[in-house]
PDB file of N, CA and C in Angstrom:
ATOM      1  N   MET A   1       9.098  20.791  52.535  1.00  0.00           N
ATOM      2  CA  MET A   1       8.719  21.619  51.400  1.00  0.00           C
ATOM      3  C   MET A   1       9.981  22.056  50.655  1.00  0.00           C
ATOM      4  N   PHE A   2       9.869  22.096  49.335  1.00  0.00           N
ATOM      5  CA  PHE A   2      10.975  22.508  48.487  1.00  0.00           C
ATOM      6  C   PHE A   2      10.526  23.639  47.569  1.00  0.00           C
ATOM      7  N   THR A   3      11.441  24.498  47.256  1.00  0.00           N
ATOM      8  CA  THR A   3      11.268  25.468  46.186  1.00  0.00           C
ATOM      9  C   THR A   3      12.431  25.242  45.238  1.00  0.00           C
ATOM     10  N   LEU A   4      12.128  24.886  43.998  1.00  0.00           N
ATOM     11  CA  LEU A   4      13.166  24.657  43.001  1.00  0.00           C
ATOM     12  C   LEU A   4      13.394  25.935  42.202  1.00  0.00           C
ATOM     13  N   ILE A   5      14.653  26.315  42.081  1.00  0.00           N
ATOM     14  CA  ILE A   5      15.005  27.495  41.297  1.00  0.00           C
ATOM     15  C   ILE A   5      16.137  27.099  40.346  1.00  0.00           C
ATOM     16  N   PRO A   6      15.823  26.922  39.081  1.00  0.00           N
ATOM     17  CA  PRO A   6      16.861  26.562  38.114  1.00  0.00           C
ATOM     18  C   PRO A   6      17.924  27.646  37.982  1.00  0.00           C
ATOM     19  N   LYS A   7      19.146  27.203  37.764  1.00  0.00           N
ATOM     20  CA  LYS A   7      20.282  28.092  37.507  1.00  0.00           C
ATOM     21  C   LYS A   7      20.774  27.806  36.099  1.00  0.00           C
ATOM     22  N   LEU A   8      20.777  28.829  35.263  1.00  0.00           N
ATOM     23  CA  LEU A   8      21.113  28.669  33.853  1.00  0.00           C
ATOM     24  C   LEU A   8      22.300  29.556  33.484  1.00  0.00           C
ATOM     25  N   PRO A   9      23.094  29.131  32.509  1.00  0.00           N
ATOM     26  CA  PRO A   9      24.225  29.955  32.073  1.00  0.00           C
ATOM     27  C   PRO A   9      23.770  31.108  31.182  1.00  0.00           C
ATOM     28  N   MET A  10      24.527  32.204  31.268  1.00  0.00           N
ATOM     29  CA  MET A  10      24.278  33.356  30.391  1.00  0.00           C
ATOM     30  C   MET A  10      25.618  33.932  29.949  1.00  0.00           C
ATOM     31  N   ARG A  11      25.663  34.388  28.710  1.00  0.00           N
ATOM     32  CA  ARG A  11      26.874  35.042  28.207  1.00  0.00           C
ATOM     33  C   ARG A  11      26.819  36.542  28.410  1.00  0.00           C
ATOM     34  N   ASP A  12      25.646  37.131  28.301  1.00  0.00           N
ATOM     35  CA  ASP A  12      25.496  38.582  28.338  1.00  0.00           C
ATOM     36  C   ASP A  12      24.297  38.917  29.220  1.00  0.00           C
ATOM     37  N   LYS A  13      24.575  39.484  30.388  1.00  0.00           N
ATOM     38  CA  LYS A  13      23.527  39.754  31.375  1.00  0.00           C
ATOM     39  C   LYS A  13      22.449  40.691  30.829  1.00  0.00           C
ATOM     40  N   ALA A  14      22.820  41.745  30.138  1.00  0.00           N
ATOM     41  CA  ALA A  14      21.836  42.697  29.612  1.00  0.00           C
ATOM     42  C   ALA A  14      20.911  42.017  28.604  1.00  0.00           C
ATOM     43  N   ARG A  15      21.471  41.204  27.743  1.00  0.00           N
ATOM     44  CA  ARG A  15      20.651  40.495  26.740  1.00  0.00           C
ATOM     45  C   ARG A  15      19.735  39.484  27.408  1.00  0.00           C
ATOM     46  N   THR A  16      20.254  38.774  28.415  1.00  0.00           N
ATOM     47  CA  THR A  16      19.429  37.804  29.151  1.00  0.00           C
ATOM     48  C   THR A  16      18.279  38.519  29.847  1.00  0.00           C
ATOM     49  N   ALA A  17      18.572  39.598  30.552  1.00  0.00           N
ATOM     50  CA  ALA A  17      17.529  40.345  31.267  1.00  0.00           C
ATOM     51  C   ALA A  17      16.472  40.864  30.294  1.00  0.00           C
ATOM     52  N   ALA A  18      16.893  41.396  29.150  1.00  0.00           N
ATOM     53  CA  ALA A  18      15.949  41.930  28.162  1.00  0.00           C
ATOM     54  C   ALA A  18      15.044  40.822  27.626  1.00  0.00           C
ATOM     55  N   TYR A  19      15.620  39.661  27.339  1.00  0.00           N
ATOM     56  CA  TYR A  19      14.826  38.548  26.808  1.00  0.00           C
ATOM     57  C   TYR A  19      13.785  38.094  27.826  1.00  0.00           C
ATOM     58  N   TYR A  20      14.204  37.912  29.053  1.00  0.00           N
ATOM     59  CA  TYR A  20      13.266  37.416  30.063  1.00  0.00           C
ATOM     60  C   TYR A  20      12.237  38.472  30.459  1.00  0.00           C
ATOM     61  N   ARG A  21      12.574  39.747  30.333  1.00  0.00           N
ATOM     62  CA  ARG A  21      11.556  40.796  30.528  1.00  0.00           C
ATOM     63  C   ARG A  21      10.475  40.655  29.462  1.00  0.00           C
ATOM     64  N   LEU A  22      10.881  40.334  28.234  1.00  0.00           N
ATOM     65  CA  LEU A  22       9.920  40.098  27.156  1.00  0.00           C
ATOM     66  C   LEU A  22       8.980  38.949  27.505  1.00  0.00           C
ATOM     67  N   LEU A  23       9.472  37.995  28.299  1.00  0.00           N
ATOM     68  CA  LEU A  23       8.647  36.863  28.738  1.00  0.00           C
ATOM     69  C   LEU A  23       7.831  37.193  29.981  1.00  0.00           C
ATOM     70  N   GLY A  24       7.956  38.407  30.489  1.00  0.00           N
ATOM     71  CA  GLY A  24       7.167  38.818  31.646  1.00  0.00           C
ATOM     72  C   GLY A  24       7.879  38.704  32.977  1.00  0.00           C
ATOM     73  N   PHE A  25       9.170  38.414  32.968  1.00  0.00           N
ATOM     74  CA  PHE A  25       9.949  38.327  34.199  1.00  0.00           C
ATOM     75  C   PHE A  25      10.477  39.706  34.567  1.00  0.00           C
ATOM     76  N   ASP A  26      10.710  39.913  35.842  1.00  0.00           N
ATOM     77  CA  ASP A  26      11.331  41.128  36.356  1.00  0.00           C
ATOM     78  C   ASP A  26      12.660  40.769  36.990  1.00  0.00           C
ATOM     79  N   VAL A  27      13.582  41.716  36.988  1.00  0.00           N
ATOM     80  CA  VAL A  27      14.853  41.509  37.677  1.00  0.00           C
ATOM     81  C   VAL A  27      14.582  41.602  39.173  1.00  0.00           C
ATOM     82  N   LEU A  28      14.885  40.541  39.878  1.00  0.00           N
ATOM     83  CA  LEU A  28      14.719  40.498  41.326  1.00  0.00           C
ATOM     84  C   LEU A  28      15.974  41.012  42.019  1.00  0.00           C
ATOM     85  N   ALA A  29      17.141  40.623  41.474  1.00  0.00           N
ATOM     86  CA  ALA A  29      18.420  41.082  42.022  1.00  0.00           C
ATOM     87  C   ALA A  29      19.500  40.902  40.971  1.00  0.00           C
ATOM     88  N   ASP A  30      20.518  41.752  41.069  1.00  0.00           N
ATOM     89  CA  ASP A  30      21.646  41.716  40.145  1.00  0.00           C
ATOM     90  C   ASP A  30      22.927  41.787  40.974  1.00  0.00           C
ATOM     91  N   TYR A  31      23.679  40.694  40.941  1.00  0.00           N
ATOM     92  CA  TYR A  31      24.916  40.611  41.715  1.00  0.00           C
ATOM     93  C   TYR A  31      26.132  40.547  40.798  1.00  0.00           C
ATOM     94  N   GLY A  32      26.134  41.349  39.764  1.00  0.00           N
ATOM     95  CA  GLY A  32      27.268  41.368  38.855  1.00  0.00           C
ATOM     96  C   GLY A  32      27.257  40.182  37.916  1.00  0.00           C
ATOM     97  N   ASP A  33      27.897  39.093  38.314  1.00  0.00           N
ATOM     98  CA  ASP A  33      27.955  37.886  37.480  1.00  0.00           C
ATOM     99  C   ASP A  33      26.814  36.923  37.771  1.00  0.00           C
ATOM    100  N   TYR A  34      25.834  37.363  38.556  1.00  0.00           N
ATOM    101  CA  TYR A  34      24.720  36.498  38.936  1.00  0.00           C
ATOM    102  C   TYR A  34      23.444  37.329  38.893  1.00  0.00           C
ATOM    103  N   LEU A  35      22.438  36.835  38.169  1.00  0.00           N
ATOM    104  CA  LEU A  35      21.199  37.566  37.934  1.00  0.00           C
ATOM    105  C   LEU A  35      20.027  36.722  38.413  1.00  0.00           C
ATOM    106  N   LEU A  36      19.105  37.329  39.142  1.00  0.00           N
ATOM    107  CA  LEU A  36      17.898  36.660  39.605  1.00  0.00           C
ATOM    108  C   LEU A  36      16.706  37.323  38.944  1.00  0.00           C
ATOM    109  N   MET A  37      15.854  36.510  38.310  1.00  0.00           N
ATOM    110  CA  MET A  37      14.661  37.030  37.650  1.00  0.00           C
ATOM    111  C   MET A  37      13.454  36.288  38.187  1.00  0.00           C
ATOM    112  N   GLN A  38      12.309  36.983  38.192  1.00  0.00           N
ATOM    113  CA  GLN A  38      11.112  36.404  38.794  1.00  0.00           C
ATOM    114  C   GLN A  38       9.882  36.789  37.993  1.00  0.00           C
ATOM    115  N   ARG A  39       8.955  35.850  37.922  1.00  0.00           N
ATOM    116  CA  ARG A  39       7.625  36.112  37.363  1.00  0.00           C
ATOM    117  C   ARG A  39       6.639  35.422  38.279  1.00  0.00           C
ATOM    118  N   GLY A  40       5.786  36.207  38.906  1.00  0.00           N
ATOM    119  CA  GLY A  40       4.867  35.639  39.889  1.00  0.00           C
ATOM    120  C   GLY A  40       5.667  34.968  40.988  1.00  0.00           C
ATOM    121  N   GLY A  41       5.325  33.746  41.306  1.00  0.00           N
ATOM    122  CA  GLY A  41       6.032  33.015  42.347  1.00  0.00           C
ATOM    123  C   GLY A  41       7.184  32.176  41.830  1.00  0.00           C
ATOM    124  N   SER A  42       7.533  32.326  40.563  1.00  0.00           N
ATOM    125  CA  SER A  42       8.606  31.513  39.986  1.00  0.00           C
ATOM    126  C   SER A  42       9.851  32.361  39.743  1.00  0.00           C
ATOM    127  N   ALA A  43      10.998  31.755  39.966  1.00  0.00           N
ATOM    128  CA  ALA A  43      12.262  32.467  39.775  1.00  0.00           C
ATOM    129  C   ALA A  43      13.209  31.639  38.919  1.00  0.00           C
ATOM    130  N   LEU A  44      14.091  32.335  38.245  1.00  0.00           N
ATOM    131  CA  LEU A  44      15.191  31.737  37.505  1.00  0.00           C
ATOM    132  C   LEU A  44      16.451  32.482  37.903  1.00  0.00           C
ATOM    133  N   HIS A  45      17.532  31.753  38.095  1.00  0.00           N
ATOM    134  CA  HIS A  45      18.825  32.377  38.385  1.00  0.00           C
ATOM    135  C   HIS A  45      19.741  32.135  37.191  1.00  0.00           C
ATOM    136  N   PHE A  46      20.601  33.101  36.911  1.00  0.00           N
ATOM    137  CA  PHE A  46      21.528  33.016  35.797  1.00  0.00           C
ATOM    138  C   PHE A  46      22.930  33.326  36.290  1.00  0.00           C
ATOM    139  N   PHE A  47      23.886  32.535  35.859  1.00  0.00           N
ATOM    140  CA  PHE A  47      25.279  32.757  36.225  1.00  0.00           C
ATOM    141  C   PHE A  47      26.075  33.083  34.972  1.00  0.00           C
ATOM    142  N   ALA A  48      27.062  33.959  35.133  1.00  0.00           N
ATOM    143  CA  ALA A  48      27.894  34.368  34.001  1.00  0.00           C
ATOM    144  C   ALA A  48      28.714  33.188  33.502  1.00  0.00           C
ATOM    145  N   HIS A  49      28.658  33.002  32.201  1.00  0.00           N
ATOM    146  CA  HIS A  49      29.452  31.965  31.531  1.00  0.00           C
ATOM    147  C   HIS A  49      29.854  32.546  30.180  1.00  0.00           C
ATOM    148  N   PRO A  50      30.809  33.487  30.191  1.00  0.00           N
ATOM    149  CA  PRO A  50      31.157  34.193  28.949  1.00  0.00           C
ATOM    150  C   PRO A  50      31.711  33.297  27.852  1.00  0.00           C
ATOM    151  N   ASP A  51      32.237  32.135  28.208  1.00  0.00           N
ATOM    152  CA  ASP A  51      32.810  31.233  27.206  1.00  0.00           C
ATOM    153  C   ASP A  51      31.827  30.171  26.729  1.00  0.00           C
ATOM    154  N   LEU A  52      30.577  30.291  27.129  1.00  0.00           N
ATOM    155  CA  LEU A  52      29.563  29.320  26.735  1.00  0.00           C
ATOM    156  C   LEU A  52      29.453  29.261  25.214  1.00  0.00           C
ATOM    157  N   VAL A  53      29.423  28.068  24.694  1.00  0.00           N
ATOM    158  CA  VAL A  53      29.149  27.846  23.271  1.00  0.00           C
ATOM    159  C   VAL A  53      27.665  27.473  23.202  1.00  0.00           C
ATOM    160  N   PRO A  54      26.802  28.388  22.746  1.00  0.00           N
ATOM    161  CA  PRO A  54      25.358  28.130  22.798  1.00  0.00           C
ATOM    162  C   PRO A  54      24.932  26.798  22.186  1.00  0.00           C
ATOM    163  N   GLU A  55      25.553  26.418  21.093  1.00  0.00           N
ATOM    164  CA  GLU A  55      25.179  25.165  20.426  1.00  0.00           C
ATOM    165  C   GLU A  55      25.545  23.930  21.253  1.00  0.00           C
ATOM    166  N   GLU A  56      26.336  24.104  22.302  1.00  0.00           N
ATOM    167  CA  GLU A  56      26.720  22.994  23.174  1.00  0.00           C
ATOM    168  C   GLU A  56      26.050  23.088  24.541  1.00  0.00           C
ATOM    169  N   ASN A  57      25.110  24.016  24.689  1.00  0.00           N
ATOM    170  CA  ASN A  57      24.423  24.212  25.966  1.00  0.00           C
ATOM    171  C   ASN A  57      23.228  23.278  26.066  1.00  0.00           C
ATOM    172  N   TYR A  58      23.126  22.578  27.183  1.00  0.00           N
ATOM    173  CA  TYR A  58      22.008  21.665  27.397  1.00  0.00           C
ATOM    174  C   TYR A  58      21.114  22.129  28.542  1.00  0.00           C
ATOM    175  N   GLY A  59      21.190  23.442  28.917  1.00  0.00           N
ATOM    176  CA  GLY A  59      20.330  23.973  29.973  1.00  0.00           C
ATOM    177  C   GLY A  59      18.870  23.864  29.562  1.00  0.00           C
ATOM    178  N   GLN A  60      18.053  23.330  30.467  1.00  0.00           N
ATOM    179  CA  GLN A  60      16.634  23.155  30.182  1.00  0.00           C
ATOM    180  C   GLN A  60      15.819  23.389  31.444  1.00  0.00           C
ATOM    181  N   VAL A  61      14.641  23.976  31.257  1.00  0.00           N
ATOM    182  CA  VAL A  61      13.697  24.182  32.352  1.00  0.00           C
ATOM    183  C   VAL A  61      12.314  23.817  31.839  1.00  0.00           C
ATOM    184  N   TYR A  62      11.558  23.082  32.657  1.00  0.00           N
ATOM    185  CA  TYR A  62      10.160  22.785  32.339  1.00  0.00           C
ATOM    186  C   TYR A  62       9.309  23.644  33.257  1.00  0.00           C
ATOM    187  N   ILE A  63       8.436  24.448  32.677  1.00  0.00           N
ATOM    188  CA  ILE A  63       7.593  25.367  33.434  1.00  0.00           C
ATOM    189  C   ILE A  63       6.146  24.925  33.257  1.00  0.00           C
ATOM    190  N   GLN A  64       5.563  24.417  34.330  1.00  0.00           N
ATOM    191  CA  GLN A  64       4.172  23.974  34.264  1.00  0.00           C
ATOM    192  C   GLN A  64       3.261  25.143  34.623  1.00  0.00           C
ATOM    193  N   THR A  65       2.185  25.281  33.867  1.00  0.00           N
ATOM    194  CA  THR A  65       1.273  26.412  34.023  1.00  0.00           C
ATOM    195  C   THR A  65      -0.165  25.933  33.873  1.00  0.00           C
ATOM    196  N   ASP A  66      -1.092  26.769  34.257  1.00  0.00           N
ATOM    197  CA  ASP A  66      -2.499  26.462  34.006  1.00  0.00           C
ATOM    198  C   ASP A  66      -3.064  27.354  32.904  1.00  0.00           C
ATOM    199  N   ALA A  67      -2.164  28.037  32.185  1.00  0.00           N
ATOM    200  CA  ALA A  67      -2.592  28.968  31.126  1.00  0.00           C
ATOM    201  C   ALA A  67      -1.647  28.893  29.928  1.00  0.00           C
ATOM    202  N   VAL A  68      -1.332  27.687  29.461  1.00  0.00           N
ATOM    203  CA  VAL A  68      -0.338  27.531  28.407  1.00  0.00           C
ATOM    204  C   VAL A  68      -0.762  28.193  27.088  1.00  0.00           C
ATOM    205  N   GLU A  69      -2.037  28.087  26.740  1.00  0.00           N
ATOM    206  CA  GLU A  69      -2.490  28.686  25.476  1.00  0.00           C
ATOM    207  C   GLU A  69      -2.398  30.212  25.526  1.00  0.00           C
ATOM    208  N   SER A  70      -2.745  30.795  26.643  1.00  0.00           N
ATOM    209  CA  SER A  70      -2.652  32.244  26.820  1.00  0.00           C
ATOM    210  C   SER A  70      -1.196  32.706  26.769  1.00  0.00           C
ATOM    211  N   LEU A  71      -0.299  31.988  27.423  1.00  0.00           N
ATOM    212  CA  LEU A  71       1.130  32.312  27.360  1.00  0.00           C
ATOM    213  C   LEU A  71       1.631  32.253  25.921  1.00  0.00           C
ATOM    214  N   TYR A  72       1.276  31.181  25.235  1.00  0.00           N
ATOM    215  CA  TYR A  72       1.703  30.977  23.846  1.00  0.00           C
ATOM    216  C   TYR A  72       1.272  32.160  22.972  1.00  0.00           C
ATOM    217  N   ARG A  73      -0.011  32.524  23.069  1.00  0.00           N
ATOM    218  CA  ARG A  73      -0.523  33.652  22.266  1.00  0.00           C
ATOM    219  C   ARG A  73       0.177  34.955  22.655  1.00  0.00           C
ATOM    220  N   GLY A  74       0.346  35.166  23.955  1.00  0.00           N
ATOM    221  CA  GLY A  74       1.002  36.387  24.413  1.00  0.00           C
ATOM    222  C   GLY A  74       2.427  36.498  23.913  1.00  0.00           C
ATOM    223  N   PHE A  75       3.165  35.392  23.954  1.00  0.00           N
ATOM    224  CA  PHE A  75       4.542  35.407  23.457  1.00  0.00           C
ATOM    225  C   PHE A  75       4.559  35.691  21.965  1.00  0.00           C
ATOM    226  N   GLN A  76       3.654  35.063  21.222  1.00  0.00           N
ATOM    227  CA  GLN A  76       3.588  35.309  19.784  1.00  0.00           C
ATOM    228  C   GLN A  76       3.281  36.777  19.495  1.00  0.00           C
ATOM    229  N   GLU A  77       2.355  37.359  20.244  1.00  0.00           N
ATOM    230  CA  GLU A  77       1.992  38.759  20.047  1.00  0.00           C
ATOM    231  C   GLU A  77       3.166  39.694  20.333  1.00  0.00           C
ATOM    232  N   ARG A  78       4.045  39.317  21.263  1.00  0.00           N
ATOM    233  CA  ARG A  78       5.213  40.143  21.589  1.00  0.00           C
ATOM    234  C   ARG A  78       6.404  39.828  20.697  1.00  0.00           C
ATOM    235  N   GLY A  79       6.238  38.919  19.745  1.00  0.00           N
ATOM    236  CA  GLY A  79       7.311  38.612  18.812  1.00  0.00           C
ATOM    237  C   GLY A  79       8.363  37.654  19.341  1.00  0.00           C
ATOM    238  N   VAL A  80       8.029  36.904  20.385  1.00  0.00           N
ATOM    239  CA  VAL A  80       8.966  35.907  20.924  1.00  0.00           C
ATOM    240  C   VAL A  80       9.006  34.731  19.956  1.00  0.00           C
ATOM    241  N   ALA A  81      10.203  34.331  19.561  1.00  0.00           N
ATOM    242  CA  ALA A  81      10.345  33.195  18.637  1.00  0.00           C
ATOM    243  C   ALA A  81      10.043  31.894  19.365  1.00  0.00           C
ATOM    244  N   ILE A  82       9.127  31.133  18.811  1.00  0.00           N
ATOM    245  CA  ILE A  82       8.794  29.801  19.324  1.00  0.00           C
ATOM    246  C   ILE A  82       9.788  28.824  18.707  1.00  0.00           C
ATOM    247  N   HIS A  83      10.230  27.837  19.488  1.00  0.00           N
ATOM    248  CA  HIS A  83      11.165  26.841  18.961  1.00  0.00           C
ATOM    249  C   HIS A  83      10.553  26.229  17.699  1.00  0.00           C
ATOM    250  N   PRO A  84      11.297  26.176  16.598  1.00  0.00           N
ATOM    251  CA  PRO A  84      10.721  25.680  15.342  1.00  0.00           C
ATOM    252  C   PRO A  84      10.233  24.240  15.406  1.00  0.00           C
ATOM    253  N   ASN A  85      10.775  23.443  16.310  1.00  0.00           N
ATOM    254  CA  ASN A  85      10.342  22.052  16.432  1.00  0.00           C
ATOM    255  C   ASN A  85       9.373  21.843  17.590  1.00  0.00           C
ATOM    256  N   ALA A  86       8.916  22.945  18.209  1.00  0.00           N
ATOM    257  CA  ALA A  86       8.083  22.772  19.398  1.00  0.00           C
ATOM    258  C   ALA A  86       6.974  23.813  19.503  1.00  0.00           C
ATOM    259  N   PRO A  87       6.120  23.921  18.453  1.00  0.00           N
ATOM    260  CA  PRO A  87       4.960  24.800  18.596  1.00  0.00           C
ATOM    261  C   PRO A  87       3.980  24.167  19.590  1.00  0.00           C
ATOM    262  N   LEU A  88       2.958  24.897  19.949  1.00  0.00           N
ATOM    263  CA  LEU A  88       1.959  24.388  20.889  1.00  0.00           C
ATOM    264  C   LEU A  88       1.331  23.111  20.323  1.00  0.00           C
ATOM    265  N   GLN A  89       1.454  22.035  21.090  1.00  0.00           N
ATOM    266  CA  GLN A  89       0.905  20.758  20.641  1.00  0.00           C
ATOM    267  C   GLN A  89       0.664  19.826  21.819  1.00  0.00           C
ATOM    268  N   GLN A  90      -0.284  18.911  21.615  1.00  0.00           N
ATOM    269  CA  GLN A  90      -0.567  17.878  22.605  1.00  0.00           C
ATOM    270  C   GLN A  90       0.523  16.828  22.549  1.00  0.00           C
ATOM    271  N   LYS A  91       0.945  16.392  23.726  1.00  0.00           N
ATOM    272  CA  LYS A  91       1.976  15.363  23.816  1.00  0.00           C
ATOM    273  C   LYS A  91       1.360  14.056  24.315  1.00  0.00           C
ATOM    274  N   PRO A  92       1.953  12.916  23.967  1.00  0.00           N
ATOM    275  CA  PRO A  92       1.399  11.625  24.385  1.00  0.00           C
ATOM    276  C   PRO A  92       1.385  11.443  25.902  1.00  0.00           C
ATOM    277  N   TRP A  93       2.163  12.237  26.638  1.00  0.00           N
ATOM    278  CA  TRP A  93       2.222  12.100  28.100  1.00  0.00           C
ATOM    279  C   TRP A  93       1.183  12.979  28.791  1.00  0.00           C
ATOM    280  N   GLY A  94       0.186  13.450  28.022  1.00  0.00           N
ATOM    281  CA  GLY A  94      -0.939  14.156  28.617  1.00  0.00           C
ATOM    282  C   GLY A  94      -0.719  15.633  28.899  1.00  0.00           C
ATOM    283  N   MET A  95       0.197  16.249  28.162  1.00  0.00           N
ATOM    284  CA  MET A  95       0.478  17.666  28.348  1.00  0.00           C
ATOM    285  C   MET A  95       0.277  18.419  27.032  1.00  0.00           C
ATOM    286  N   LEU A  96      -0.110  19.685  27.156  1.00  0.00           N
ATOM    287  CA  LEU A  96      -0.140  20.606  26.033  1.00  0.00           C
ATOM    288  C   LEU A  96       1.087  21.484  26.217  1.00  0.00           C
ATOM    289  N   GLU A  97       2.003  21.487  25.240  1.00  0.00           N
ATOM    290  CA  GLU A  97       3.317  22.104  25.434  1.00  0.00           C
ATOM    291  C   GLU A  97       3.768  22.923  24.229  1.00  0.00           C
ATOM    292  N   PHE A  98       4.697  23.841  24.523  1.00  0.00           N
ATOM    293  CA  PHE A  98       5.484  24.519  23.502  1.00  0.00           C
ATOM    294  C   PHE A  98       6.823  24.867  24.135  1.00  0.00           C
ATOM    295  N   ALA A  99       7.790  25.255  23.300  1.00  0.00           N
ATOM    296  CA  ALA A  99       9.123  25.549  23.832  1.00  0.00           C
ATOM    297  C   ALA A  99       9.733  26.772  23.158  1.00  0.00           C
ATOM    298  N   LEU A 100      10.683  27.373  23.885  1.00  0.00           N
ATOM    299  CA  LEU A 100      11.457  28.521  23.417  1.00  0.00           C
ATOM    300  C   LEU A 100      12.930  28.240  23.654  1.00  0.00           C
ATOM    301  N   LEU A 101      13.774  28.911  22.913  1.00  0.00           N
ATOM    302  CA  LEU A 101      15.214  28.908  23.172  1.00  0.00           C
ATOM    303  C   LEU A 101      15.616  30.338  23.503  1.00  0.00           C
ATOM    304  N   ASP A 102      16.259  30.532  24.654  1.00  0.00           N
ATOM    305  CA  ASP A 102      16.702  31.883  25.004  1.00  0.00           C
ATOM    306  C   ASP A 102      17.979  32.208  24.230  1.00  0.00           C
ATOM    307  N   PRO A 103      18.539  33.399  24.378  1.00  0.00           N
ATOM    308  CA  PRO A 103      19.717  33.784  23.586  1.00  0.00           C
ATOM    309  C   PRO A 103      20.940  32.890  23.790  1.00  0.00           C
ATOM    310  N   ASP A 104      20.977  32.133  24.892  1.00  0.00           N
ATOM    311  CA  ASP A 104      22.101  31.231  25.151  1.00  0.00           C
ATOM    312  C   ASP A 104      21.755  29.775  24.885  1.00  0.00           C
ATOM    313  N   MET A 105      20.615  29.558  24.241  1.00  0.00           N
ATOM    314  CA  MET A 105      20.125  28.236  23.865  1.00  0.00           C
ATOM    315  C   MET A 105      19.686  27.396  25.066  1.00  0.00           C
ATOM    316  N   ASN A 106      19.304  28.059  26.167  1.00  0.00           N
ATOM    317  CA  ASN A 106      18.629  27.354  27.245  1.00  0.00           C
ATOM    318  C   ASN A 106      17.216  27.069  26.751  1.00  0.00           C
ATOM    319  N   LEU A 107      16.779  25.821  26.874  1.00  0.00           N
ATOM    320  CA  LEU A 107      15.461  25.414  26.396  1.00  0.00           C
ATOM    321  C   LEU A 107      14.441  25.626  27.498  1.00  0.00           C
ATOM    322  N   LEU A 108      13.389  26.381  27.191  1.00  0.00           N
ATOM    323  CA  LEU A 108      12.287  26.603  28.123  1.00  0.00           C
ATOM    324  C   LEU A 108      11.060  25.924  27.553  1.00  0.00           C
ATOM    325  N   THR A 109      10.552  24.924  28.246  1.00  0.00           N
ATOM    326  CA  THR A 109       9.352  24.232  27.810  1.00  0.00           C
ATOM    327  C   THR A 109       8.218  24.603  28.755  1.00  0.00           C
ATOM    328  N   PHE A 110       7.111  25.049  28.194  1.00  0.00           N
ATOM    329  CA  PHE A 110       5.924  25.408  28.958  1.00  0.00           C
ATOM    330  C   PHE A 110       4.875  24.349  28.726  1.00  0.00           C
ATOM    331  N   GLY A 111       4.271  23.849  29.797  1.00  0.00           N
ATOM    332  CA  GLY A 111       3.286  22.789  29.645  1.00  0.00           C
ATOM    333  C   GLY A 111       2.129  22.908  30.603  1.00  0.00           C
ATOM    334  N   GLN A 112       1.003  22.326  30.167  1.00  0.00           N
ATOM    335  CA  GLN A 112      -0.209  22.286  30.992  1.00  0.00           C
ATOM    336  C   GLN A 112      -0.823  20.910  30.849  1.00  0.00           C
ATOM    337  N   GLU A 113      -1.239  20.352  31.981  1.00  0.00           N
ATOM    338  CA  GLU A 113      -1.915  19.053  31.944  1.00  0.00           C
ATOM    339  C   GLU A 113      -3.210  19.185  31.157  1.00  0.00           C
ATOM    340  N   ILE A 114      -3.469  18.182  30.331  1.00  0.00           N
ATOM    341  CA  ILE A 114      -4.715  18.139  29.567  1.00  0.00           C
ATOM    342  C   ILE A 114      -5.739  17.452  30.441  1.00  0.00           C
ATOM    343  N   SER A 115      -6.871  18.153  30.658  1.00  0.00           N
ATOM    344  CA  SER A 115      -7.894  17.543  31.513  1.00  0.00           C
ATOM    345  C   SER A 115      -8.907  16.769  30.718  1.00  0.00           C
TER     346      SER A 115
END
């Protein structure tokens, strides 16, 4: 059995924590230059990278859910910016998806299998 926990770069811990709280995550632990956030049974870890150039960041996470439409609406209601090129849409690979960019340009894609 495996549990995958993505590790993403962050420039500003307070800004990262605030953004992910807006997405429904809670701070699980704070180790100074290392932040752990959790929502339900899923976790994300963040490491300090103060020299990160956001436009050169290729951090990406795919989050599969069984409630993609509800998440999408909830994020919109809370004012979370949806990636301009990735609103909720059906994909040819059988998924309903949308994406967000966090403050450090880590790409978060949320998807649900189309039944």
